Amino acid sequence: APDGVAIDDEGIIYIADYENRLIRKLAI
């Protein structure tokens, strides 16, 4: 249940992984 998403100026995607209780990121 990743309900939240935001992206910074460098293109890194941050994810609020709701049911896992985590903050994750996708880095390119």
PDB file of all heavy atoms in Angstrom:
ATOM      1  N   ALA A   1       0.813  -1.213   0.000  1.00  0.00           N
ATOM      2  CA  ALA A   1       0.000   0.000   0.000  1.00  0.00           C
ATOM      3  C   ALA A   1       0.852   1.271   0.000  1.00  0.00           C
ATOM      4  O   ALA A   1       0.791   2.079   0.934  1.00  0.00           O
ATOM      5  CB  ALA A   1      -0.982   0.018   1.169  1.00  0.00           C
ATOM      6  N   PRO A   2       1.657   1.483  -1.043  1.00  0.00           N
ATOM      7  CA  PRO A   2       2.437   2.735  -1.134  1.00  0.00           C
ATOM      8  C   PRO A   2       1.508   3.890  -1.524  1.00  0.00           C
ATOM      9  O   PRO A   2       1.205   4.084  -2.695  1.00  0.00           O
ATOM     10  CB  PRO A   2       3.458   2.421  -2.238  1.00  0.00           C
ATOM     11  CG  PRO A   2       2.760   1.418  -3.113  1.00  0.00           C
ATOM     12  CD  PRO A   2       1.883   0.609  -2.217  1.00  0.00           C
ATOM     13  N   ASP A   3       1.095   4.685  -0.550  1.00  0.00           N
ATOM     14  CA  ASP A   3       0.102   5.735  -0.773  1.00  0.00           C
ATOM     15  C   ASP A   3       0.702   7.088  -1.126  1.00  0.00           C
ATOM     16  O   ASP A   3      -0.001   7.962  -1.651  1.00  0.00           O
ATOM     17  CB  ASP A   3      -0.787   5.901   0.465  1.00  0.00           C
ATOM     18  CG  ASP A   3      -1.767   4.746   0.636  1.00  0.00           C
ATOM     19  OD1 ASP A   3      -2.047   4.059  -0.365  1.00  0.00           O
ATOM     20  OD2 ASP A   3      -2.247   4.527   1.768  1.00  0.00           O
ATOM     21  N   GLY A   4       1.979   7.305  -0.799  1.00  0.00           N
ATOM     22  CA  GLY A   4       2.591   8.609  -1.017  1.00  0.00           C
ATOM     23  C   GLY A   4       3.776   8.552  -1.949  1.00  0.00           C
ATOM     24  O   GLY A   4       4.551   7.584  -1.932  1.00  0.00           O
ATOM     25  N   VAL A   5       3.933   9.587  -2.767  1.00  0.00           N
ATOM     26  CA  VAL A   5       5.060   9.651  -3.686  1.00  0.00           C
ATOM     27  C   VAL A   5       5.469  11.109  -3.867  1.00  0.00           C
ATOM     28  O   VAL A   5       4.631  12.016  -3.929  1.00  0.00           O
ATOM     29  CB  VAL A   5       4.720   9.006  -5.049  1.00  0.00           C
ATOM     30  CG1 VAL A   5       3.585   9.757  -5.748  1.00  0.00           C
ATOM     31  CG2 VAL A   5       5.935   8.927  -5.949  1.00  0.00           C
ATOM     32  N   ALA A   6       6.776  11.341  -3.928  1.00  0.00           N
ATOM     33  CA  ALA A   6       7.335  12.665  -4.203  1.00  0.00           C
ATOM     34  C   ALA A   6       8.648  12.469  -4.936  1.00  0.00           C
ATOM     35  O   ALA A   6       9.307  11.422  -4.803  1.00  0.00           O
ATOM     36  CB  ALA A   6       7.550  13.464  -2.911  1.00  0.00           C
ATOM     37  N   ILE A   7       9.036  13.471  -5.705  1.00  0.00           N
ATOM     38  CA  ILE A   7      10.260  13.371  -6.494  1.00  0.00           C
ATOM     39  C   ILE A   7      11.070  14.641  -6.310  1.00  0.00           C
ATOM     40  O   ILE A   7      10.517  15.747  -6.304  1.00  0.00           O
ATOM     41  CB  ILE A   7       9.935  13.107  -7.984  1.00  0.00           C
ATOM     42  CG1 ILE A   7      11.204  12.836  -8.791  1.00  0.00           C
ATOM     43  CG2 ILE A   7       9.124  14.233  -8.588  1.00  0.00           C
ATOM     44  CD1 ILE A   7      10.902  12.230 -10.169  1.00  0.00           C
ATOM     45  N   ASP A   8      12.389  14.507  -6.112  1.00  0.00           N
ATOM     46  CA  ASP A   8      13.221  15.682  -5.911  1.00  0.00           C
ATOM     47  C   ASP A   8      13.779  16.187  -7.238  1.00  0.00           C
ATOM     48  O   ASP A   8      13.515  15.627  -8.303  1.00  0.00           O
ATOM     49  CB  ASP A   8      14.326  15.407  -4.879  1.00  0.00           C
ATOM     50  CG  ASP A   8      15.409  14.443  -5.377  1.00  0.00           C
ATOM     51  OD1 ASP A   8      15.427  14.092  -6.582  1.00  0.00           O
ATOM     52  OD2 ASP A   8      16.266  14.063  -4.553  1.00  0.00           O
ATOM     53  N   ASP A   9      14.571  17.244  -7.167  1.00  0.00           N
ATOM     54  CA  ASP A   9      15.094  17.880  -8.379  1.00  0.00           C
ATOM     55  C   ASP A   9      16.092  17.014  -9.127  1.00  0.00           C
ATOM     56  O   ASP A   9      16.385  17.265 -10.293  1.00  0.00           O
ATOM     57  CB  ASP A   9      15.728  19.234  -8.029  1.00  0.00           C
ATOM     58  CG  ASP A   9      14.702  20.258  -7.546  1.00  0.00           C
ATOM     59  OD1 ASP A   9      13.516  20.112  -7.895  1.00  0.00           O
ATOM     60  OD2 ASP A   9      15.087  21.189  -6.802  1.00  0.00           O
ATOM     61  N   GLU A  10      16.640  16.005  -8.454  1.00  0.00           N
ATOM     62  CA  GLU A  10      17.588  15.102  -9.092  1.00  0.00           C
ATOM     63  C   GLU A  10      16.918  13.860  -9.677  1.00  0.00           C
ATOM     64  O   GLU A  10      17.589  12.995 -10.226  1.00  0.00           O
ATOM     65  CB  GLU A  10      18.666  14.679  -8.090  1.00  0.00           C
ATOM     66  CG  GLU A  10      19.548  15.836  -7.618  1.00  0.00           C
ATOM     67  CD  GLU A  10      20.621  15.386  -6.659  1.00  0.00           C
ATOM     68  OE1 GLU A  10      20.580  14.216  -6.231  1.00  0.00           O
ATOM     69  OE2 GLU A  10      21.515  16.188  -6.336  1.00  0.00           O
ATOM     70  N   GLY A  11      15.598  13.785  -9.553  1.00  0.00           N
ATOM     71  CA  GLY A  11      14.876  12.652 -10.108  1.00  0.00           C
ATOM     72  C   GLY A  11      14.758  11.457  -9.188  1.00  0.00           C
ATOM     73  O   GLY A  11      14.284  10.396  -9.613  1.00  0.00           O
ATOM     74  N   ILE A  12      15.168  11.595  -7.924  1.00  0.00           N
ATOM     75  CA  ILE A  12      15.011  10.509  -6.959  1.00  0.00           C
ATOM     76  C   ILE A  12      13.558  10.476  -6.494  1.00  0.00           C
ATOM     77  O   ILE A  12      12.998  11.491  -6.094  1.00  0.00           O
ATOM     78  CB  ILE A  12      15.957  10.679  -5.758  1.00  0.00           C
ATOM     79  CG1 ILE A  12      17.414  10.624  -6.219  1.00  0.00           C
ATOM     80  CG2 ILE A  12      15.703   9.598  -4.716  1.00  0.00           C
ATOM     81  CD1 ILE A  12      18.413  10.926  -5.126  1.00  0.00           C
ATOM     82  N   ILE A  13      12.952   9.301  -6.538  1.00  0.00           N
ATOM     83  CA  ILE A  13      11.552   9.131  -6.169  1.00  0.00           C
ATOM     84  C   ILE A  13      11.480   8.589  -4.746  1.00  0.00           C
ATOM     85  O   ILE A  13      12.071   7.548  -4.432  1.00  0.00           O
ATOM     86  CB  ILE A  13      10.844   8.173  -7.144  1.00  0.00           C
ATOM     87  CG1 ILE A  13      10.914   8.718  -8.576  1.00  0.00           C
ATOM     88  CG2 ILE A  13       9.397   7.953  -6.726  1.00  0.00           C
ATOM     89  CD1 ILE A  13      10.462   7.719  -9.622  1.00  0.00           C
ATOM     90  N   TYR A  14      10.752   9.300  -3.874  1.00  0.00           N
ATOM     91  CA  TYR A  14      10.546   8.881  -2.495  1.00  0.00           C
ATOM     92  C   TYR A  14       9.125   8.360  -2.335  1.00  0.00           C
ATOM     93  O   TYR A  14       8.176   8.909  -2.906  1.00  0.00           O
ATOM     94  CB  TYR A  14      10.825  10.034  -1.532  1.00  0.00           C
ATOM     95  CG  TYR A  14      12.281  10.424  -1.490  1.00  0.00           C
ATOM     96  CD1 TYR A  14      12.802  11.349  -2.387  1.00  0.00           C
ATOM     97  CD2 TYR A  14      13.143   9.857  -0.563  1.00  0.00           C
ATOM     98  CE1 TYR A  14      14.145  11.691  -2.371  1.00  0.00           C
ATOM     99  CE2 TYR A  14      14.487  10.201  -0.528  1.00  0.00           C
ATOM    100  CZ  TYR A  14      14.977  11.117  -1.429  1.00  0.00           C
ATOM    101  OH  TYR A  14      16.314  11.458  -1.409  1.00  0.00           O
ATOM    102  N   ILE A  15       8.987   7.293  -1.549  1.00  0.00           N
ATOM    103  CA  ILE A  15       7.713   6.582  -1.455  1.00  0.00           C
ATOM    104  C   ILE A  15       7.356   6.361   0.010  1.00  0.00           C
ATOM    105  O   ILE A  15       8.185   5.877   0.792  1.00  0.00           O
ATOM    106  CB  ILE A  15       7.806   5.224  -2.182  1.00  0.00           C
ATOM    107  CG1 ILE A  15       8.180   5.444  -3.659  1.00  0.00           C
ATOM    108  CG2 ILE A  15       6.504   4.440  -2.061  1.00  0.00           C
ATOM    109  CD1 ILE A  15       8.794   4.221  -4.312  1.00  0.00           C
ATOM    110  N   ALA A  16       6.123   6.713   0.370  1.00  0.00           N
ATOM    111  CA  ALA A  16       5.589   6.394   1.689  1.00  0.00           C
ATOM    112  C   ALA A  16       4.907   5.034   1.598  1.00  0.00           C
ATOM    113  O   ALA A  16       3.811   4.912   1.043  1.00  0.00           O
ATOM    114  CB  ALA A  16       4.612   7.466   2.151  1.00  0.00           C
ATOM    115  N   ASP A  17       5.570   4.004   2.124  1.00  0.00           N
ATOM    116  CA  ASP A  17       5.097   2.624   2.058  1.00  0.00           C
ATOM    117  C   ASP A  17       4.234   2.378   3.297  1.00  0.00           C
ATOM    118  O   ASP A  17       4.704   1.893   4.325  1.00  0.00           O
ATOM    119  CB  ASP A  17       6.298   1.684   1.995  1.00  0.00           C
ATOM    120  CG  ASP A  17       5.929   0.272   1.586  1.00  0.00           C
ATOM    121  OD1 ASP A  17       4.739  -0.005   1.381  1.00  0.00           O
ATOM    122  OD2 ASP A  17       6.859  -0.564   1.473  1.00  0.00           O
ATOM    123  N   TYR A  18       2.955   2.694   3.174  1.00  0.00           N
ATOM    124  CA  TYR A  18       2.051   2.845   4.304  1.00  0.00           C
ATOM    125  C   TYR A  18       1.965   1.610   5.198  1.00  0.00           C
ATOM    126  O   TYR A  18       2.229   1.686   6.397  1.00  0.00           O
ATOM    127  CB  TYR A  18       0.668   3.232   3.772  1.00  0.00           C
ATOM    128  CG  TYR A  18      -0.382   3.478   4.833  1.00  0.00           C
ATOM    129  CD1 TYR A  18      -0.282   4.554   5.701  1.00  0.00           C
ATOM    130  CD2 TYR A  18      -1.494   2.645   4.937  1.00  0.00           C
ATOM    131  CE1 TYR A  18      -1.263   4.790   6.660  1.00  0.00           C
ATOM    132  CE2 TYR A  18      -2.479   2.878   5.887  1.00  0.00           C
ATOM    133  CZ  TYR A  18      -2.352   3.944   6.743  1.00  0.00           C
ATOM    134  OH  TYR A  18      -3.319   4.172   7.685  1.00  0.00           O
ATOM    135  N   GLU A  19       1.600   0.481   4.656  1.00  0.00           N
ATOM    136  CA  GLU A  19       1.385  -0.705   5.479  1.00  0.00           C
ATOM    137  C   GLU A  19       2.695  -1.340   5.932  1.00  0.00           C
ATOM    138  O   GLU A  19       2.710  -2.061   6.939  1.00  0.00           O
ATOM    139  CB  GLU A  19       0.534  -1.728   4.732  1.00  0.00           C
ATOM    140  CG  GLU A  19      -0.913  -1.295   4.502  1.00  0.00           C
ATOM    141  CD  GLU A  19      -1.740  -1.251   5.780  1.00  0.00           C
ATOM    142  OE1 GLU A  19      -1.245  -1.693   6.844  1.00  0.00           O
ATOM    143  OE2 GLU A  19      -2.877  -0.761   5.737  1.00  0.00           O
ATOM    144  N   ASN A  20       3.790  -1.087   5.227  1.00  0.00           N
ATOM    145  CA  ASN A  20       5.092  -1.572   5.691  1.00  0.00           C
ATOM    146  C   ASN A  20       5.710  -0.652   6.738  1.00  0.00           C
ATOM    147  O   ASN A  20       6.749  -0.977   7.309  1.00  0.00           O
ATOM    148  CB  ASN A  20       6.053  -1.736   4.514  1.00  0.00           C
ATOM    149  CG  ASN A  20       5.884  -3.059   3.785  1.00  0.00           C
ATOM    150  OD1 ASN A  20       5.525  -4.079   4.387  1.00  0.00           O
ATOM    151  ND2 ASN A  20       6.156  -3.064   2.480  1.00  0.00           N
ATOM    152  N   ARG A  21       5.142   0.543   6.931  1.00  0.00           N
ATOM    153  CA  ARG A  21       5.609   1.525   7.923  1.00  0.00           C
ATOM    154  C   ARG A  21       7.016   2.036   7.573  1.00  0.00           C
ATOM    155  O   ARG A  21       7.848   2.244   8.457  1.00  0.00           O
ATOM    156  CB  ARG A  21       5.615   0.932   9.355  1.00  0.00           C
ATOM    157  CG  ARG A  21       4.432   0.037   9.676  1.00  0.00           C
ATOM    158  CD  ARG A  21       3.130   0.758   9.621  1.00  0.00           C
ATOM    159  NE  ARG A  21       2.018  -0.166   9.813  1.00  0.00           N
ATOM    160  CZ  ARG A  21       0.722   0.160   9.669  1.00  0.00           C
ATOM    161  NH1 ARG A  21       0.389   1.375   9.317  1.00  0.00           N
ATOM    162  NH2 ARG A  21      -0.214  -0.736   9.883  1.00  0.00           N
ATOM    163  N   LEU A  22       7.256   2.260   6.279  1.00  0.00           N
ATOM    164  CA  LEU A  22       8.589   2.612   5.810  1.00  0.00           C
ATOM    165  C   LEU A  22       8.568   3.815   4.884  1.00  0.00           C
ATOM    166  O   LEU A  22       7.554   4.119   4.252  1.00  0.00           O
ATOM    167  CB  LEU A  22       9.224   1.449   5.047  1.00  0.00           C
ATOM    168  CG  LEU A  22       9.327   0.099   5.752  1.00  0.00           C
ATOM    169  CD1 LEU A  22       9.796  -0.954   4.765  1.00  0.00           C
ATOM    170  CD2 LEU A  22      10.269   0.179   6.947  1.00  0.00           C
ATOM    171  N   ILE A  23       9.730   4.455   4.772  1.00  0.00           N
ATOM    172  CA  ILE A  23       9.985   5.422   3.712  1.00  0.00           C
ATOM    173  C   ILE A  23      11.033   4.796   2.809  1.00  0.00           C
ATOM    174  O   ILE A  23      12.121   4.433   3.247  1.00  0.00           O
ATOM    175  CB  ILE A  23      10.474   6.775   4.278  1.00  0.00           C
ATOM    176  CG1 ILE A  23       9.483   7.308   5.315  1.00  0.00           C
ATOM    177  CG2 ILE A  23      10.655   7.767   3.138  1.00  0.00           C
ATOM    178  CD1 ILE A  23       8.079   7.518   4.803  1.00  0.00           C
ATOM    179  N   ARG A  24      10.707   4.676   1.543  1.00  0.00           N
ATOM    180  CA  ARG A  24      11.561   4.023   0.563  1.00  0.00           C
ATOM    181  C   ARG A  24      11.961   5.039  -0.507  1.00  0.00           C
ATOM    182  O   ARG A  24      11.358   6.124  -0.615  1.00  0.00           O
ATOM    183  CB  ARG A  24      10.828   2.867  -0.123  1.00  0.00           C
ATOM    184  CG  ARG A  24       9.974   1.967   0.804  1.00  0.00           C
ATOM    185  CD  ARG A  24      10.692   0.868   1.413  1.00  0.00           C
ATOM    186  NE  ARG A  24      11.187  -0.125   0.477  1.00  0.00           N
ATOM    187  CZ  ARG A  24      10.430  -1.145  -0.010  1.00  0.00           C
ATOM    188  NH1 ARG A  24       9.167  -1.292   0.326  1.00  0.00           N
ATOM    189  NH2 ARG A  24      10.974  -2.052  -0.827  1.00  0.00           N
ATOM    190  N   LYS A  25      12.952   4.666  -1.330  1.00  0.00           N
ATOM    191  CA  LYS A  25      13.301   5.529  -2.449  1.00  0.00           C
ATOM    192  C   LYS A  25      13.765   4.699  -3.628  1.00  0.00           C
ATOM    193  O   LYS A  25      14.310   3.599  -3.474  1.00  0.00           O
ATOM    194  CB  LYS A  25      14.355   6.567  -2.069  1.00  0.00           C
ATOM    195  CG  LYS A  25      15.766   6.059  -1.917  1.00  0.00           C
ATOM    196  CD  LYS A  25      16.722   7.225  -1.650  1.00  0.00           C
ATOM    197  CE  LYS A  25      18.173   6.756  -1.511  1.00  0.00           C
ATOM    198  NZ  LYS A  25      19.084   7.897  -1.227  1.00  0.00           N
ATOM    199  N   LEU A  26      13.531   5.277  -4.798  1.00  0.00           N
ATOM    200  CA  LEU A  26      14.008   4.713  -6.050  1.00  0.00           C
ATOM    201  C   LEU A  26      15.022   5.684  -6.609  1.00  0.00           C
ATOM    202  O   LEU A  26      14.674   6.788  -7.037  1.00  0.00           O
ATOM    203  CB  LEU A  26      12.852   4.505  -7.026  1.00  0.00           C
ATOM    204  CG  LEU A  26      13.229   4.062  -8.449  1.00  0.00           C
ATOM    205  CD1 LEU A  26      13.858   2.686  -8.428  1.00  0.00           C
ATOM    206  CD2 LEU A  26      12.016   4.086  -9.361  1.00  0.00           C
ATOM    207  N   ALA A  27      16.283   5.297  -6.593  1.00  0.00           N
ATOM    208  CA  ALA A  27      17.363   6.160  -7.048  1.00  0.00           C
ATOM    209  C   ALA A  27      17.863   5.702  -8.401  1.00  0.00           C
ATOM    210  O   ALA A  27      18.152   4.513  -8.606  1.00  0.00           O
ATOM    211  CB  ALA A  27      18.504   6.176  -6.039  1.00  0.00           C
ATOM    212  N   ILE A  28      17.953   6.636  -9.326  1.00  0.00           N
ATOM    213  CA  ILE A  28      18.513   6.383 -10.647  1.00  0.00           C
ATOM    214  C   ILE A  28      19.834   7.125 -10.711  1.00  0.00           C
ATOM    215  O   ILE A  28      19.872   8.347 -10.693  1.00  0.00           O
ATOM    216  CB  ILE A  28      17.552   6.846 -11.760  1.00  0.00           C
ATOM    217  CG1 ILE A  28      16.196   6.153 -11.603  1.00  0.00           C
ATOM    218  CG2 ILE A  28      18.145   6.549 -13.135  1.00  0.00           C
ATOM    219  CD1 ILE A  28      15.135   6.668 -12.556  1.00  0.00           C
TER     220      ILE A  28
END
